[in-house]
Amino acid sequence: MGLFKRPDSPFWWMLLEGTGRKKENTGIRHDGSSQTLRKQQTAQAEEIYHARMTQLAKGRVGLPIASSKTFKTWSEWYEKHHTNKHRGKVREIVLLGHLRDHFNTFRLSEIRPNRWKEYETARLKEGVNINTVGRELALMKSILTAAVGEHLEVSPLAHLKRKTERLPAKRTLSADDCTRLIQQLHDDELRDMFIVGLGTLLRQETLVNLRRQHHQGTRLVVQTKTGPHQISLEGPTELQTKAAETLKARMPKLANGCFFPTWRARFAKPDPKKHARGYLAKIFQRACKRADIPWGIRSGGVVWHTATRASGATRMIREFGTDVRTVQLLGPWRSLDQMAEYLGLDLTTPRPRS
């Protein structure tokens, strides 16, 4: 196998035999946070290496790569061997559903830039945000790249750039907002999930999958998308102690029992047409409306993520006077600058403790 690591790169590299010892980046990281994830990354890098060698071999003898593989069949293979190994597989399966609605009968070689532009136009006409279409493009490019060497000579969308739109500054919730919203969350399990999210700053998917085994006395020990993470339930503010009280009241009997079993069951069986994430957002939106809280980032309101993670961090700094370094570690954000940009805070001016 021609894979190797470089000390200056977090990615697997490949040595292409027969090309004058040419070296290329596979684009697959090797520094996964667990042994299982690192094995998956290695397997993915091997797939890319063998596909690239096949492509080069066919090119040397002048053989074209002609395949009748359709997007439907290839996306099913991709979902089984790639998507199901990703932490964000629930969201990715939803995106796959939208892509299949449009491209299912297309051969992979037919998915060219003009066909994508038609898809983009149709999605925007449906009222979908350009940032969402950008995520769908990133997924499509990944699917096509996986087919290179076996069903495609090159990815037809390789040079298509993802479009983004700068959204307004995040609106966060005050203490009064949170009190009103909690009163209007009639789903008890969702209400408690909101209280825990506000105090722990955990993302939605991590909250949904929270189990008793993650609860270790005065702290939570969880695996997040940025790696293993510990959250104190003893402070530094009442947001953390309220989260601790809520978790204690919902403590499962079994070690692998979920704190929020109803929502865990909904997320465990994603439906591309009616997915749990959208259902949760709809219920949360109605509660916000009843609490007289604007909804939607584009309209200057909140969504689940900003109402929990961003609001909890902002309240800790502004209302409780918590040290910014403490909030950064609780997040966790890689740096203070990253946290300040995420929250829209000016950290150059010290805030007096209230």
Protein backbone atom coordinates (compact mmCIF):
# COMPACT_ATOMS: atom_id res chain seq x y z
CA MET A 1 0.00 0.00 0.00
CA GLY A 2 1.40 3.40 -0.98
CA LEU A 3 -0.07 5.41 1.89
CA PHE A 4 2.13 7.40 4.24
CA LYS A 5 1.97 10.23 6.78
CA ARG A 6 3.79 13.54 6.71
CA PRO A 7 4.79 15.32 9.93
CA ASP A 8 3.48 18.64 8.57
CA SER A 9 0.05 17.35 7.49
CA PRO A 10 -2.99 15.79 9.24
CA PHE A 11 -3.90 13.92 6.01
CA TRP A 12 -2.98 10.55 4.52
CA TRP A 13 -0.70 10.93 1.49
CA MET A 14 -0.18 8.41 -1.29
CA LEU A 15 2.92 7.44 -3.24
CA LEU A 16 1.87 6.70 -6.82
CA GLU A 17 4.08 3.88 -8.15
CA GLY A 18 5.17 4.12 -11.74
CA THR A 19 4.87 7.92 -11.88
CA GLY A 20 8.36 8.90 -10.82
CA ARG A 21 7.47 8.63 -7.13
CA LYS A 22 4.75 11.25 -7.43
CA LYS A 23 3.02 12.09 -4.14
CA GLU A 24 -0.60 13.26 -3.73
CA ASN A 25 -2.83 14.20 -0.81
CA THR A 26 -5.78 11.83 -0.38
CA GLY A 27 -7.84 14.49 1.43
CA ILE A 28 -8.57 11.95 4.22
CA ARG A 29 -7.37 12.81 7.73
CA HIS A 30 -5.51 10.25 9.85
CA ASP A 31 -5.92 11.89 13.27
CA GLY A 32 -9.35 10.57 14.28
CA SER A 33 -10.34 10.91 17.92
CA SER A 34 -10.82 7.15 18.41
CA GLN A 35 -9.27 3.92 17.15
CA THR A 36 -12.47 3.02 15.29
CA LEU A 37 -12.54 6.37 13.50
CA ARG A 38 -8.85 6.08 12.58
CA LYS A 39 -9.47 2.64 11.04
CA GLN A 40 -12.33 4.07 9.00
CA GLN A 41 -10.12 6.93 7.81
CA THR A 42 -7.39 4.50 6.79
CA ALA A 43 -9.89 2.37 4.82
CA GLN A 44 -11.20 5.46 3.03
CA ALA A 45 -7.66 6.55 2.15
CA GLU A 46 -6.94 3.06 0.76
CA GLU A 47 -10.03 3.27 -1.46
CA ILE A 48 -8.85 6.59 -2.88
CA TYR A 49 -5.33 5.24 -3.40
CA HIS A 50 -6.51 2.17 -5.33
CA ALA A 51 -8.97 4.24 -7.38
CA ARG A 52 -6.19 6.69 -8.30
CA MET A 53 -3.84 3.87 -9.31
CA THR A 54 -6.59 2.35 -11.46
CA GLN A 55 -7.16 5.70 -13.12
CA LEU A 56 -3.46 6.13 -13.89
CA ALA A 57 -3.14 2.58 -15.23
CA LYS A 58 -6.04 3.02 -17.63
CA GLY A 59 -4.68 6.37 -18.74
CA ARG A 60 -1.27 4.88 -19.56
CA VAL A 61 -2.78 2.41 -22.05
CA GLY A 62 -5.39 4.80 -23.42
CA LEU A 63 -8.45 3.07 -21.96
CA PRO A 64 -11.39 5.38 -21.23
CA ILE A 65 -13.46 4.89 -18.11
CA ALA A 66 -16.94 4.24 -19.49
CA SER A 67 -19.56 3.40 -16.91
CA SER A 68 -23.35 3.29 -16.96
CA LYS A 69 -23.52 3.56 -13.18
CA THR A 70 -26.44 5.77 -12.16
CA PHE A 71 -26.50 8.22 -9.29
CA LYS A 72 -29.15 6.08 -7.57
CA THR A 73 -27.03 2.95 -7.34
CA TRP A 74 -23.77 4.79 -6.60
CA SER A 75 -25.34 6.97 -3.91
CA GLU A 76 -26.63 3.80 -2.22
CA TRP A 77 -23.09 2.42 -2.22
CA TYR A 78 -21.78 5.73 -0.89
CA GLU A 79 -24.37 5.83 1.89
CA LYS A 80 -23.41 2.32 3.02
CA HIS A 81 -19.63 2.71 2.88
CA HIS A 82 -19.16 6.42 3.63
CA THR A 83 -22.21 8.20 5.05
CA ASN A 84 -22.92 5.56 7.69
CA LYS A 85 -19.41 6.07 9.08
CA HIS A 86 -19.77 9.84 9.41
CA ARG A 87 -20.75 11.51 12.68
CA GLY A 88 -23.21 13.71 10.80
CA LYS A 89 -24.86 10.81 8.99
CA VAL A 90 -28.40 11.82 10.02
CA ARG A 91 -28.09 15.20 8.32
CA GLU A 92 -26.20 13.70 5.37
CA ILE A 93 -28.97 11.15 4.70
CA VAL A 94 -31.45 14.03 4.49
CA LEU A 95 -29.22 15.82 1.95
CA LEU A 96 -28.89 12.58 -0.01
CA GLY A 97 -32.68 12.38 -0.21
CA HIS A 98 -32.86 15.78 -1.93
CA LEU A 99 -30.08 14.86 -4.37
CA ARG A 100 -31.77 11.59 -5.26
CA ASP A 101 -35.08 13.32 -5.97
CA HIS A 102 -33.38 15.17 -8.82
CA PHE A 103 -30.43 13.01 -9.97
CA ASN A 104 -31.55 9.40 -9.37
CA THR A 105 -31.81 8.42 -13.06
CA PHE A 106 -28.72 10.35 -14.19
CA ARG A 107 -25.55 8.47 -15.08
CA LEU A 108 -22.62 9.78 -13.03
CA SER A 109 -20.95 11.13 -16.16
CA GLU A 110 -24.08 13.19 -16.93
CA ILE A 111 -23.92 15.19 -13.69
CA ARG A 112 -22.09 18.14 -15.16
CA PRO A 113 -21.96 21.83 -14.10
CA ASN A 114 -25.01 22.84 -16.16
CA ARG A 115 -27.09 20.04 -14.64
CA TRP A 116 -26.03 21.21 -11.20
CA LYS A 117 -27.01 24.81 -12.04
CA GLU A 118 -30.48 23.55 -12.95
CA TYR A 119 -30.71 21.74 -9.61
CA GLU A 120 -29.51 24.86 -7.76
CA THR A 121 -32.15 26.99 -9.49
CA ALA A 122 -34.90 24.52 -8.58
CA ARG A 123 -33.81 24.36 -4.94
CA LEU A 124 -33.61 28.14 -4.57
CA LYS A 125 -37.08 28.42 -6.13
CA GLU A 126 -38.32 26.12 -3.34
CA GLY A 127 -37.07 28.68 -0.84
CA VAL A 128 -33.99 26.74 0.27
CA ASN A 129 -31.08 28.80 1.61
CA ILE A 130 -28.01 29.08 -0.63
CA ASN A 131 -25.87 27.79 2.25
CA THR A 132 -27.93 24.58 2.29
CA VAL A 133 -27.44 24.19 -1.46
CA GLY A 134 -23.73 24.69 -0.83
CA ARG A 135 -23.71 21.78 1.63
CA GLU A 136 -25.53 19.65 -0.95
CA LEU A 137 -22.86 20.55 -3.52
CA ALA A 138 -20.09 19.54 -1.11
CA LEU A 139 -21.80 16.16 -0.62
CA MET A 140 -22.31 15.66 -4.36
CA LYS A 141 -18.64 16.42 -5.04
CA SER A 142 -17.64 13.90 -2.40
CA ILE A 143 -19.89 11.25 -3.99
CA LEU A 144 -18.45 11.88 -7.46
CA THR A 145 -14.87 11.95 -6.17
CA ALA A 146 -15.42 8.49 -4.66
CA ALA A 147 -16.34 7.24 -8.16
CA VAL A 148 -13.14 8.54 -9.80
CA GLY A 149 -10.96 5.75 -11.14
CA GLU A 150 -13.79 3.21 -11.26
CA HIS A 151 -16.74 4.96 -12.92
CA LEU A 152 -15.35 8.40 -13.77
CA GLU A 153 -12.04 9.64 -15.12
CA VAL A 154 -12.37 12.91 -13.21
CA SER A 155 -15.10 14.47 -11.11
CA PRO A 156 -17.23 16.65 -13.45
CA LEU A 157 -17.95 19.09 -10.60
CA ALA A 158 -14.42 19.25 -9.21
CA HIS A 159 -13.93 22.94 -10.03
CA LEU A 160 -17.43 24.12 -9.14
CA LYS A 161 -17.25 26.49 -6.18
CA ARG A 162 -19.64 26.41 -3.27
CA LYS A 163 -21.72 29.55 -2.81
CA THR A 164 -22.35 30.99 0.63
CA GLU A 165 -24.29 33.90 2.06
CA ARG A 166 -23.19 35.85 5.09
CA LEU A 167 -26.01 35.66 7.60
CA PRO A 168 -26.95 38.40 10.09
CA ALA A 169 -25.29 38.41 13.50
CA LYS A 170 -26.69 35.69 15.75
CA ARG A 171 -29.55 36.65 18.03
CA THR A 172 -29.29 35.02 21.44
CA LEU A 173 -31.74 34.61 24.31
CA SER A 174 -31.77 36.56 27.55
CA ALA A 175 -32.77 35.10 30.92
CA ASP A 176 -36.34 36.39 30.44
CA ASP A 177 -36.48 34.90 26.93
CA CYS A 178 -35.38 31.51 28.26
CA THR A 179 -37.96 31.57 31.04
CA ARG A 180 -40.79 32.32 28.60
CA LEU A 181 -39.59 29.73 26.14
CA ILE A 182 -39.32 27.00 28.77
CA GLN A 183 -42.91 27.73 29.78
CA GLN A 184 -44.06 27.34 26.18
CA LEU A 185 -42.21 24.08 25.47
CA HIS A 186 -45.08 21.67 26.09
CA ASP A 187 -43.04 18.62 25.09
CA ASP A 188 -41.45 17.74 28.46
CA GLU A 189 -38.57 15.83 26.92
CA LEU A 190 -37.75 18.63 24.49
CA ARG A 191 -38.03 21.21 27.29
CA ASP A 192 -35.51 19.30 29.40
CA MET A 193 -33.24 18.84 26.39
CA PHE A 194 -33.28 22.62 25.92
CA ILE A 195 -32.33 23.23 29.57
CA VAL A 196 -29.43 20.76 29.31
CA GLY A 197 -28.27 22.23 26.00
CA LEU A 198 -28.31 25.74 27.47
CA GLY A 199 -26.13 24.70 30.40
CA THR A 200 -23.72 22.28 28.69
CA LEU A 201 -23.45 24.00 25.26
CA LEU A 202 -23.75 20.57 23.63
CA ARG A 203 -24.88 20.34 20.03
CA GLN A 204 -28.27 18.89 19.17
CA GLU A 205 -27.06 15.51 17.93
CA THR A 206 -24.91 14.98 21.04
CA LEU A 207 -27.87 15.87 23.28
CA VAL A 208 -30.18 13.46 21.48
CA ASN A 209 -27.67 10.62 21.95
CA LEU A 210 -26.82 11.42 25.58
CA ARG A 211 -26.80 8.26 27.72
CA ARG A 212 -26.36 7.41 31.36
CA GLN A 213 -22.83 6.12 30.69
CA HIS A 214 -21.87 9.68 29.71
CA HIS A 215 -22.94 10.95 33.13
CA GLN A 216 -20.01 10.51 35.50
CA GLY A 217 -20.89 12.12 38.80
CA THR A 218 -20.30 15.85 38.57
CA ARG A 219 -19.44 15.87 34.87
CA LEU A 220 -20.45 14.66 31.44
CA VAL A 221 -17.88 12.85 29.30
CA VAL A 222 -19.00 12.76 25.67
CA GLN A 223 -17.68 12.35 22.16
CA THR A 224 -18.37 15.49 20.11
CA LYS A 225 -17.58 16.28 16.48
CA THR A 226 -14.33 17.90 17.66
CA GLY A 227 -13.28 14.92 19.81
CA PRO A 228 -13.72 13.72 23.42
CA HIS A 229 -14.99 16.40 25.79
CA GLN A 230 -15.76 16.85 29.51
CA ILE A 231 -18.39 19.26 30.88
CA SER A 232 -18.64 20.18 34.53
CA LEU A 233 -22.15 20.05 36.01
CA GLU A 234 -21.16 22.01 39.12
CA GLY A 235 -20.83 25.43 37.55
CA PRO A 236 -19.52 28.00 37.00
CA THR A 237 -23.12 29.31 36.71
CA GLU A 238 -26.65 28.29 37.57
CA LEU A 239 -27.09 27.18 33.95
CA GLN A 240 -24.86 24.18 34.63
CA THR A 241 -26.48 23.34 37.97
CA LYS A 242 -29.96 23.46 36.40
CA ALA A 243 -28.73 21.13 33.67
CA ALA A 244 -27.40 18.80 36.38
CA GLU A 245 -30.75 18.81 38.20
CA THR A 246 -32.60 18.09 34.98
CA LEU A 247 -30.32 15.16 34.12
CA LYS A 248 -30.62 13.75 37.63
CA ALA A 249 -34.42 13.80 37.37
CA ARG A 250 -34.26 11.96 34.02
CA MET A 251 -31.53 9.45 34.99
CA PRO A 252 -32.03 6.21 32.97
CA LYS A 253 -32.00 2.90 34.83
CA LEU A 254 -29.60 1.21 32.39
CA ALA A 255 -26.04 2.33 31.63
CA ASN A 256 -26.81 2.59 27.92
CA GLY A 257 -30.23 4.13 28.52
CA CYS A 258 -30.93 7.48 26.88
CA PHE A 259 -31.87 10.63 28.76
CA PHE A 260 -34.21 11.61 25.90
CA PRO A 261 -35.45 8.25 24.54
CA THR A 262 -38.36 9.52 22.45
CA TRP A 263 -36.22 11.91 20.45
CA ARG A 264 -33.38 9.39 20.28
CA ALA A 265 -35.78 6.92 18.61
CA ARG A 266 -36.88 9.55 16.09
CA PHE A 267 -33.30 10.45 15.16
CA ALA A 268 -32.23 6.78 14.99
CA LYS A 269 -34.48 6.15 11.96
CA PRO A 270 -33.98 9.15 9.67
CA ASP A 271 -36.62 9.70 7.03
CA PRO A 272 -35.43 11.83 4.06
CA LYS A 273 -39.00 13.08 3.55
CA LYS A 274 -39.91 13.83 7.15
CA HIS A 275 -36.73 13.87 9.19
CA ALA A 276 -36.54 14.26 12.95
CA ARG A 277 -34.37 17.37 12.81
CA GLY A 278 -37.03 19.23 10.85
CA TYR A 279 -39.79 17.95 13.14
CA LEU A 280 -37.88 19.16 16.19
CA ALA A 281 -37.33 22.55 14.55
CA LYS A 282 -41.06 22.86 13.81
CA ILE A 283 -42.05 22.17 17.42
CA PHE A 284 -39.37 24.54 18.70
CA GLN A 285 -40.46 27.23 16.24
CA ARG A 286 -44.05 27.06 17.50
CA ALA A 287 -42.86 27.39 21.09
CA CYS A 288 -40.78 30.44 20.14
CA LYS A 289 -43.82 32.00 18.50
CA ARG A 290 -45.91 31.46 21.61
CA ALA A 291 -43.10 32.98 23.70
CA ASP A 292 -42.93 36.01 21.35
CA ILE A 293 -39.36 35.19 20.27
CA PRO A 294 -38.43 35.76 16.59
CA TRP A 295 -37.59 32.61 14.65
CA GLY A 296 -34.98 32.08 11.93
CA ILE A 297 -31.45 33.43 11.58
CA ARG A 298 -32.22 35.12 8.25
CA SER A 299 -34.98 37.16 9.88
CA GLY A 300 -32.94 38.07 12.94
CA GLY A 301 -34.38 35.36 15.16
CA VAL A 302 -33.15 32.16 16.75
CA VAL A 303 -32.96 28.48 15.88
CA TRP A 304 -32.27 25.55 18.22
CA HIS A 305 -28.49 25.91 17.91
CA THR A 306 -28.38 29.62 18.73
CA ALA A 307 -31.05 29.31 21.44
CA THR A 308 -28.96 26.71 23.29
CA ARG A 309 -25.25 26.71 22.47
CA ALA A 310 -24.81 30.38 21.49
CA SER A 311 -27.27 31.71 24.07
CA GLY A 312 -25.76 29.68 26.90
CA ALA A 313 -22.23 30.89 26.13
CA THR A 314 -23.33 34.52 25.68
CA ARG A 315 -25.32 34.54 28.93
CA MET A 316 -22.36 33.10 30.84
CA ILE A 317 -20.20 36.01 29.68
CA ARG A 318 -22.70 38.87 29.76
CA GLU A 319 -25.03 37.97 32.63
CA PHE A 320 -22.80 35.95 34.92
CA GLY A 321 -19.45 37.58 34.16
CA THR A 322 -17.78 34.22 33.52
CA ASP A 323 -14.17 34.36 32.34
CA VAL A 324 -14.03 33.99 28.55
CA ARG A 325 -11.36 31.29 28.79
CA THR A 326 -13.68 29.19 30.95
CA VAL A 327 -16.48 29.54 28.39
CA GLN A 328 -14.09 28.67 25.56
CA LEU A 329 -13.10 25.43 27.29
CA LEU A 330 -16.73 24.55 28.03
CA GLY A 331 -17.62 25.12 24.34
CA PRO A 332 -15.12 23.85 23.38
CA TRP A 333 -13.75 26.30 20.84
CA ARG A 334 -10.20 25.98 19.54
CA SER A 335 -9.36 29.60 20.34
CA LEU A 336 -10.79 32.75 21.90
CA ASP A 337 -10.88 34.38 18.46
CA GLN A 338 -12.95 31.52 17.06
CA MET A 339 -15.38 31.78 19.97
CA ALA A 340 -15.64 35.57 19.64
CA GLU A 341 -16.39 35.28 15.91
CA TYR A 342 -18.99 32.56 16.54
CA LEU A 343 -20.77 34.55 19.26
CA GLY A 344 -20.30 37.96 17.67
CA LEU A 345 -18.62 39.31 20.80
CA ASP A 346 -16.03 42.04 21.23
CA LEU A 347 -13.52 40.56 23.65
CA THR A 348 -11.22 43.58 23.59
CA THR A 349 -13.39 45.44 26.10
CA PRO A 350 -13.54 43.82 29.56
CA ARG A 351 -17.02 43.33 30.96
CA PRO A 352 -17.58 44.01 34.66
CA ARG A 353 -19.02 41.18 36.71
CA SER A 354 -22.72 41.77 37.42
